Amino acid sequence: MSNTSNSKASAKSKSSGGHSDVVEVESSDLPISCPLPGDPVWNMHPRVYIPLHQTDQYKCPYCSRLFKLVDSKEVH
């Protein structure tokens, strides 16, 4: 299965444990979906496209991962 829409390298995740709780996304990364390409297969849920074109942050309804739209200067 191809996951090209969210394989862009500039999306940054902040992890706690083995799961990324916050994913910082630049507008150039859109569209983006959850789960992310590097997520373990055993932990996958149905693909959800994250509507960051409508809001600056959004929580995945399946895994509660928070996606935040950030300015490229703010990404660490």
PDB file of N, CA and C in Angstrom:
ATOM      1  N   MET A   1       0.851  -1.174   0.000  1.00  0.00           N
ATOM      2  CA  MET A   1       0.000   0.000   0.000  1.00  0.00           C
ATOM      3  C   MET A   1       0.898   1.238   0.000  1.00  0.00           C
ATOM      4  N   SER A   2       0.681   2.158  -0.884  1.00  0.00           N
ATOM      5  CA  SER A   2       1.459   3.387  -0.975  1.00  0.00           C
ATOM      6  C   SER A   2       0.888   4.455  -0.059  1.00  0.00           C
ATOM      7  N   ASN A   3       1.788   5.216   0.536  1.00  0.00           N
ATOM      8  CA  ASN A   3       1.382   6.266   1.465  1.00  0.00           C
ATOM      9  C   ASN A   3       2.101   7.550   1.094  1.00  0.00           C
ATOM     10  N   THR A   4       2.091   7.920  -0.172  1.00  0.00           N
ATOM     11  CA  THR A   4       2.888   9.032  -0.661  1.00  0.00           C
ATOM     12  C   THR A   4       2.439  10.377  -0.144  1.00  0.00           C
ATOM     13  N   SER A   5       1.172  10.560   0.220  1.00  0.00           N
ATOM     14  CA  SER A   5       0.701  11.880   0.602  1.00  0.00           C
ATOM     15  C   SER A   5       1.255  12.354   1.928  1.00  0.00           C
ATOM     16  N   ASN A   6       1.728  11.441   2.782  1.00  0.00           N
ATOM     17  CA  ASN A   6       2.251  11.900   4.054  1.00  0.00           C
ATOM     18  C   ASN A   6       3.659  11.390   4.302  1.00  0.00           C
ATOM     19  N   SER A   7       4.419  11.179   3.251  1.00  0.00           N
ATOM     20  CA  SER A   7       5.780  10.699   3.404  1.00  0.00           C
ATOM     21  C   SER A   7       6.788  11.834   3.336  1.00  0.00           C
ATOM     22  N   LYS A   8       6.337  13.051   3.404  1.00  0.00           N
ATOM     23  CA  LYS A   8       7.225  14.202   3.310  1.00  0.00           C
ATOM     24  C   LYS A   8       8.080  14.309   4.566  1.00  0.00           C
ATOM     25  N   ALA A   9       9.347  14.630   4.387  1.00  0.00           N
ATOM     26  CA  ALA A   9      10.311  14.563   5.482  1.00  0.00           C
ATOM     27  C   ALA A   9      10.202  15.702   6.478  1.00  0.00           C
ATOM     28  N   SER A  10       9.559  16.802   6.163  1.00  0.00           N
ATOM     29  CA  SER A  10       9.578  17.935   7.078  1.00  0.00           C
ATOM     30  C   SER A  10       8.561  17.856   8.207  1.00  0.00           C
ATOM     31  N   ALA A  11       7.642  16.891   8.196  1.00  0.00           N
ATOM     32  CA  ALA A  11       6.734  16.722   9.329  1.00  0.00           C
ATOM     33  C   ALA A  11       7.547  16.179  10.493  1.00  0.00           C
ATOM     34  N   LYS A  12       7.512  16.858  11.625  1.00  0.00           N
ATOM     35  CA  LYS A  12       8.317  16.493  12.788  1.00  0.00           C
ATOM     36  C   LYS A  12       7.429  15.925  13.875  1.00  0.00           C
ATOM     37  N   SER A  13       7.821  14.801  14.477  1.00  0.00           N
ATOM     38  CA  SER A  13       7.058  14.236  15.572  1.00  0.00           C
ATOM     39  C   SER A  13       7.825  14.350  16.877  1.00  0.00           C
ATOM     40  N   LYS A  14       7.066  14.578  17.915  1.00  0.00           N
ATOM     41  CA  LYS A  14       7.612  14.582  19.263  1.00  0.00           C
ATOM     42  C   LYS A  14       7.049  13.362  19.963  1.00  0.00           C
ATOM     43  N   SER A  15       7.940  12.488  20.401  1.00  0.00           N
ATOM     44  CA  SER A  15       7.507  11.209  20.959  1.00  0.00           C
ATOM     45  C   SER A  15       7.562  11.202  22.474  1.00  0.00           C
ATOM     46  N   SER A  16       6.678  10.392  23.025  1.00  0.00           N
ATOM     47  CA  SER A  16       6.782  10.028  24.427  1.00  0.00           C
ATOM     48  C   SER A  16       6.565   8.536  24.448  1.00  0.00           C
ATOM     49  N   GLY A  17       7.623   7.814  24.732  1.00  0.00           N
ATOM     50  CA  GLY A  17       7.555   6.364  24.603  1.00  0.00           C
ATOM     51  C   GLY A  17       7.722   5.990  23.148  1.00  0.00           C
ATOM     52  N   GLY A  18       6.972   5.008  22.654  1.00  0.00           N
ATOM     53  CA  GLY A  18       7.104   4.565  21.287  1.00  0.00           C
ATOM     54  C   GLY A  18       6.115   5.218  20.348  1.00  0.00           C
ATOM     55  N   HIS A  19       5.265   6.111  20.830  1.00  0.00           N
ATOM     56  CA  HIS A  19       4.207   6.710  20.011  1.00  0.00           C
ATOM     57  C   HIS A  19       4.426   8.213  19.921  1.00  0.00           C
ATOM     58  N   SER A  20       4.259   8.761  18.751  1.00  0.00           N
ATOM     59  CA  SER A  20       4.372  10.206  18.563  1.00  0.00           C
ATOM     60  C   SER A  20       3.078  10.867  19.007  1.00  0.00           C
ATOM     61  N   ASP A  21       3.142  11.679  20.049  1.00  0.00           N
ATOM     62  CA  ASP A  21       1.950  12.335  20.566  1.00  0.00           C
ATOM     63  C   ASP A  21       1.604  13.603  19.807  1.00  0.00           C
ATOM     64  N   VAL A  22       2.630  14.294  19.288  1.00  0.00           N
ATOM     65  CA  VAL A  22       2.421  15.553  18.573  1.00  0.00           C
ATOM     66  C   VAL A  22       3.212  15.495  17.268  1.00  0.00           C
ATOM     67  N   VAL A  23       2.551  15.851  16.185  1.00  0.00           N
ATOM     68  CA  VAL A  23       3.223  15.919  14.885  1.00  0.00           C
ATOM     69  C   VAL A  23       3.105  17.359  14.403  1.00  0.00           C
ATOM     70  N   GLU A  24       4.256  18.016  14.207  1.00  0.00           N
ATOM     71  CA  GLU A  24       4.278  19.384  13.695  1.00  0.00           C
ATOM     72  C   GLU A  24       4.353  19.309  12.173  1.00  0.00           C
ATOM     73  N   VAL A  25       3.426  20.002  11.520  1.00  0.00           N
ATOM     74  CA  VAL A  25       3.265  19.900  10.070  1.00  0.00           C
ATOM     75  C   VAL A  25       3.367  21.287   9.449  1.00  0.00           C
ATOM     76  N   GLU A  26       4.134  21.399   8.376  1.00  0.00           N
ATOM     77  CA  GLU A  26       4.189  22.641   7.606  1.00  0.00           C
ATOM     78  C   GLU A  26       3.133  22.562   6.509  1.00  0.00           C
ATOM     79  N   SER A  27       2.720  23.699   6.016  1.00  0.00           N
ATOM     80  CA  SER A  27       1.697  23.707   4.963  1.00  0.00           C
ATOM     81  C   SER A  27       2.164  22.952   3.719  1.00  0.00           C
ATOM     82  N   SER A  28       3.469  22.898   3.488  1.00  0.00           N
ATOM     83  CA  SER A  28       3.988  22.157   2.333  1.00  0.00           C
ATOM     84  C   SER A  28       3.833  20.640   2.504  1.00  0.00           C
ATOM     85  N   ASP A  29       3.566  20.171   3.732  1.00  0.00           N
ATOM     86  CA  ASP A  29       3.368  18.743   3.997  1.00  0.00           C
ATOM     87  C   ASP A  29       1.943  18.279   3.711  1.00  0.00           C
ATOM     88  N   LEU A  30       1.030  19.200   3.499  1.00  0.00           N
ATOM     89  CA  LEU A  30      -0.373  18.855   3.316  1.00  0.00           C
ATOM     90  C   LEU A  30      -0.611  18.290   1.926  1.00  0.00           C
ATOM     91  N   PRO A  31      -1.489  17.344   1.737  1.00  0.00           N
ATOM     92  CA  PRO A  31      -2.315  16.710   2.757  1.00  0.00           C
ATOM     93  C   PRO A  31      -1.512  15.689   3.561  1.00  0.00           C
ATOM     94  N   ILE A  32      -1.941  15.443   4.791  1.00  0.00           N
ATOM     95  CA  ILE A  32      -1.284  14.470   5.665  1.00  0.00           C
ATOM     96  C   ILE A  32      -2.355  13.575   6.273  1.00  0.00           C
ATOM     97  N   SER A  33      -1.985  12.353   6.563  1.00  0.00           N
ATOM     98  CA  SER A  33      -2.956  11.420   7.130  1.00  0.00           C
ATOM     99  C   SER A  33      -2.334  10.662   8.300  1.00  0.00           C
ATOM    100  N   CYS A  34      -3.181  10.066   9.085  1.00  0.00           N
ATOM    101  CA  CYS A  34      -2.777   9.240  10.217  1.00  0.00           C
ATOM    102  C   CYS A  34      -3.388   7.868   9.977  1.00  0.00           C
ATOM    103  N   PRO A  35      -2.655   6.798  10.188  1.00  0.00           N
ATOM    104  CA  PRO A  35      -1.321   6.689  10.768  1.00  0.00           C
ATOM    105  C   PRO A  35      -0.229   7.128   9.787  1.00  0.00           C
ATOM    106  N   LEU A  36       0.932   7.470  10.357  1.00  0.00           N
ATOM    107  CA  LEU A  36       2.073   7.911   9.567  1.00  0.00           C
ATOM    108  C   LEU A  36       2.798   6.695   8.988  1.00  0.00           C
ATOM    109  N   PRO A  37       3.592   6.888   7.942  1.00  0.00           N
ATOM    110  CA  PRO A  37       4.249   5.764   7.276  1.00  0.00           C
ATOM    111  C   PRO A  37       5.118   4.899   8.200  1.00  0.00           C
ATOM    112  N   GLY A  38       5.768   5.461   9.194  1.00  0.00           N
ATOM    113  CA  GLY A  38       6.657   4.692  10.067  1.00  0.00           C
ATOM    114  C   GLY A  38       5.977   4.032  11.248  1.00  0.00           C
ATOM    115  N   ASP A  39       4.669   4.175  11.377  1.00  0.00           N
ATOM    116  CA  ASP A  39       3.955   3.571  12.503  1.00  0.00           C
ATOM    117  C   ASP A  39       3.972   2.054  12.394  1.00  0.00           C
ATOM    118  N   PRO A  40       4.071   1.358  13.543  1.00  0.00           N
ATOM    119  CA  PRO A  40       4.069  -0.100  13.514  1.00  0.00           C
ATOM    120  C   PRO A  40       2.751  -0.657  12.965  1.00  0.00           C
ATOM    121  N   VAL A  41       2.839  -1.694  12.180  1.00  0.00           N
ATOM    122  CA  VAL A  41       1.665  -2.281  11.537  1.00  0.00           C
ATOM    123  C   VAL A  41       0.636  -2.751  12.573  1.00  0.00           C
ATOM    124  N   TRP A  42       1.080  -3.309  13.680  1.00  0.00           N
ATOM    125  CA  TRP A  42       0.151  -3.826  14.689  1.00  0.00           C
ATOM    126  C   TRP A  42      -0.688  -2.719  15.321  1.00  0.00           C
ATOM    127  N   ASN A  43      -0.241  -1.481  15.211  1.00  0.00           N
ATOM    128  CA  ASN A  43      -0.902  -0.366  15.873  1.00  0.00           C
ATOM    129  C   ASN A  43      -1.713   0.485  14.901  1.00  0.00           C
ATOM    130  N   MET A  44      -1.940   0.019  13.687  1.00  0.00           N
ATOM    131  CA  MET A  44      -2.608   0.846  12.686  1.00  0.00           C
ATOM    132  C   MET A  44      -4.117   0.842  12.833  1.00  0.00           C
ATOM    133  N   HIS A  45      -4.695   1.952  12.464  1.00  0.00           N
ATOM    134  CA  HIS A  45      -6.146   2.116  12.401  1.00  0.00           C
ATOM    135  C   HIS A  45      -6.473   2.572  10.988  1.00  0.00           C
ATOM    136  N   PRO A  46      -7.741   2.680  10.629  1.00  0.00           N
ATOM    137  CA  PRO A  46      -8.074   3.164   9.279  1.00  0.00           C
ATOM    138  C   PRO A  46      -7.444   4.536   9.009  1.00  0.00           C
ATOM    139  N   ARG A  47      -7.062   4.770   7.776  1.00  0.00           N
ATOM    140  CA  ARG A  47      -6.438   6.046   7.415  1.00  0.00           C
ATOM    141  C   ARG A  47      -7.436   7.189   7.595  1.00  0.00           C
ATOM    142  N   VAL A  48      -6.963   8.246   8.232  1.00  0.00           N
ATOM    143  CA  VAL A  48      -7.759   9.449   8.461  1.00  0.00           C
ATOM    144  C   VAL A  48      -6.965  10.620   7.896  1.00  0.00           C
ATOM    145  N   TYR A  49      -7.554  11.368   6.976  1.00  0.00           N
ATOM    146  CA  TYR A  49      -6.887  12.575   6.486  1.00  0.00           C
ATOM    147  C   TYR A  49      -7.141  13.690   7.476  1.00  0.00           C
ATOM    148  N   ILE A  50      -6.066  14.377   7.851  1.00  0.00           N
ATOM    149  CA  ILE A  50      -6.103  15.403   8.887  1.00  0.00           C
ATOM    150  C   ILE A  50      -6.410  16.744   8.226  1.00  0.00           C
ATOM    151  N   PRO A  51      -7.523  17.404   8.619  1.00  0.00           N
ATOM    152  CA  PRO A  51      -7.973  18.629   7.933  1.00  0.00           C
ATOM    153  C   PRO A  51      -7.264  19.908   8.410  1.00  0.00           C
ATOM    154  N   LEU A  52      -5.933  19.934   8.291  1.00  0.00           N
ATOM    155  CA  LEU A  52      -5.194  21.121   8.728  1.00  0.00           C
ATOM    156  C   LEU A  52      -5.374  22.303   7.777  1.00  0.00           C
ATOM    157  N   HIS A  53      -6.051  22.106   6.673  1.00  0.00           N
ATOM    158  CA  HIS A  53      -6.368  23.223   5.784  1.00  0.00           C
ATOM    159  C   HIS A  53      -7.550  24.024   6.353  1.00  0.00           C
ATOM    160  N   GLN A  54      -8.237  23.474   7.380  1.00  0.00           N
ATOM    161  CA  GLN A  54      -9.386  24.141   7.999  1.00  0.00           C
ATOM    162  C   GLN A  54      -9.097  24.659   9.399  1.00  0.00           C
ATOM    163  N   THR A  55      -8.080  24.119  10.062  1.00  0.00           N
ATOM    164  CA  THR A  55      -7.770  24.482  11.435  1.00  0.00           C
ATOM    165  C   THR A  55      -6.266  24.348  11.651  1.00  0.00           C
ATOM    166  N   ASP A  56      -5.730  24.936  12.725  1.00  0.00           N
ATOM    167  CA  ASP A  56      -4.281  24.867  12.936  1.00  0.00           C
ATOM    168  C   ASP A  56      -3.855  23.657  13.769  1.00  0.00           C
ATOM    169  N   GLN A  57      -4.806  22.930  14.344  1.00  0.00           N
ATOM    170  CA  GLN A  57      -4.469  21.669  14.998  1.00  0.00           C
ATOM    171  C   GLN A  57      -5.676  20.745  14.999  1.00  0.00           C
ATOM    172  N   TYR A  58      -5.389  19.447  15.033  1.00  0.00           N
ATOM    173  CA  TYR A  58      -6.456  18.460  14.940  1.00  0.00           C
ATOM    174  C   TYR A  58      -5.989  17.175  15.598  1.00  0.00           C
ATOM    175  N   LYS A  59      -6.844  16.564  16.379  1.00  0.00           N
ATOM    176  CA  LYS A  59      -6.520  15.316  17.058  1.00  0.00           C
ATOM    177  C   LYS A  59      -7.152  14.144  16.307  1.00  0.00           C
ATOM    178  N   CYS A  60      -6.348  13.132  16.028  1.00  0.00           N
ATOM    179  CA  CYS A  60      -6.851  11.941  15.343  1.00  0.00           C
ATOM    180  C   CYS A  60      -7.933  11.291  16.204  1.00  0.00           C
ATOM    181  N   PRO A  61      -9.096  11.008  15.637  1.00  0.00           N
ATOM    182  CA  PRO A  61     -10.183  10.422  16.423  1.00  0.00           C
ATOM    183  C   PRO A  61      -9.912   8.975  16.846  1.00  0.00           C
ATOM    184  N   TYR A  62      -8.951   8.302  16.232  1.00  0.00           N
ATOM    185  CA  TYR A  62      -8.641   6.918  16.587  1.00  0.00           C
ATOM    186  C   TYR A  62      -7.551   6.810  17.651  1.00  0.00           C
ATOM    187  N   CYS A  63      -6.434   7.512  17.468  1.00  0.00           N
ATOM    188  CA  CYS A  63      -5.287   7.327  18.369  1.00  0.00           C
ATOM    189  C   CYS A  63      -4.973   8.554  19.222  1.00  0.00           C
ATOM    190  N   SER A  64      -5.693   9.640  19.017  1.00  0.00           N
ATOM    191  CA  SER A  64      -5.516  10.882  19.781  1.00  0.00           C
ATOM    192  C   SER A  64      -4.187  11.583  19.522  1.00  0.00           C
ATOM    193  N   ARG A  65      -3.486  11.223  18.452  1.00  0.00           N
ATOM    194  CA  ARG A  65      -2.268  11.939  18.079  1.00  0.00           C
ATOM    195  C   ARG A  65      -2.658  13.347  17.651  1.00  0.00           C
ATOM    196  N   LEU A  66      -1.920  14.336  18.118  1.00  0.00           N
ATOM    197  CA  LEU A  66      -2.216  15.727  17.803  1.00  0.00           C
ATOM    198  C   LEU A  66      -1.351  16.184  16.638  1.00  0.00           C
ATOM    199  N   PHE A  67      -1.989  16.718  15.613  1.00  0.00           N
ATOM    200  CA  PHE A  67      -1.308  17.292  14.462  1.00  0.00           C
ATOM    201  C   PHE A  67      -1.429  18.805  14.567  1.00  0.00           C
ATOM    202  N   LYS A  68      -0.279  19.506  14.484  1.00  0.00           N
ATOM    203  CA  LYS A  68      -0.270  20.973  14.596  1.00  0.00           C
ATOM    204  C   LYS A  68       0.352  21.569  13.341  1.00  0.00           C
ATOM    205  N   LEU A  69      -0.338  22.541  12.783  1.00  0.00           N
ATOM    206  CA  LEU A  69       0.178  23.276  11.646  1.00  0.00           C
ATOM    207  C   LEU A  69       1.083  24.380  12.191  1.00  0.00           C
ATOM    208  N   VAL A  70       2.336  24.398  11.780  1.00  0.00           N
ATOM    209  CA  VAL A  70       3.299  25.373  12.278  1.00  0.00           C
ATOM    210  C   VAL A  70       3.947  26.102  11.115  1.00  0.00           C
ATOM    211  N   ASP A  71       4.413  27.303  11.381  1.00  0.00           N
ATOM    212  CA  ASP A  71       5.185  28.058  10.405  1.00  0.00           C
ATOM    213  C   ASP A  71       6.541  27.376  10.280  1.00  0.00           C
ATOM    214  N   SER A  72       7.115  27.373   9.107  1.00  0.00           N
ATOM    215  CA  SER A  72       8.383  26.678   8.897  1.00  0.00           C
ATOM    216  C   SER A  72       9.496  27.191   9.808  1.00  0.00           C
ATOM    217  N   LYS A  73       9.431  28.439  10.284  1.00  0.00           N
ATOM    218  CA  LYS A  73      10.440  28.990  11.188  1.00  0.00           C
ATOM    219  C   LYS A  73      10.319  28.402  12.590  1.00  0.00           C
ATOM    220  N   GLU A  74       9.135  27.884  12.941  1.00  0.00           N
ATOM    221  CA  GLU A  74       8.915  27.368  14.283  1.00  0.00           C
ATOM    222  C   GLU A  74       9.248  25.890  14.432  1.00  0.00           C
ATOM    223  N   VAL A  75       9.443  25.162  13.332  1.00  0.00           N
ATOM    224  CA  VAL A  75       9.697  23.726  13.408  1.00  0.00           C
ATOM    225  C   VAL A  75      11.090  23.499  13.947  1.00  0.00           C
ATOM    226  N   HIS A  76      11.219  22.596  14.894  1.00  0.00           N
ATOM    227  CA  HIS A  76      12.514  22.313  15.543  1.00  0.00           C
ATOM    228  C   HIS A  76      13.087  21.041  15.021  1.00  0.00           C
TER     229      HIS A  76
END
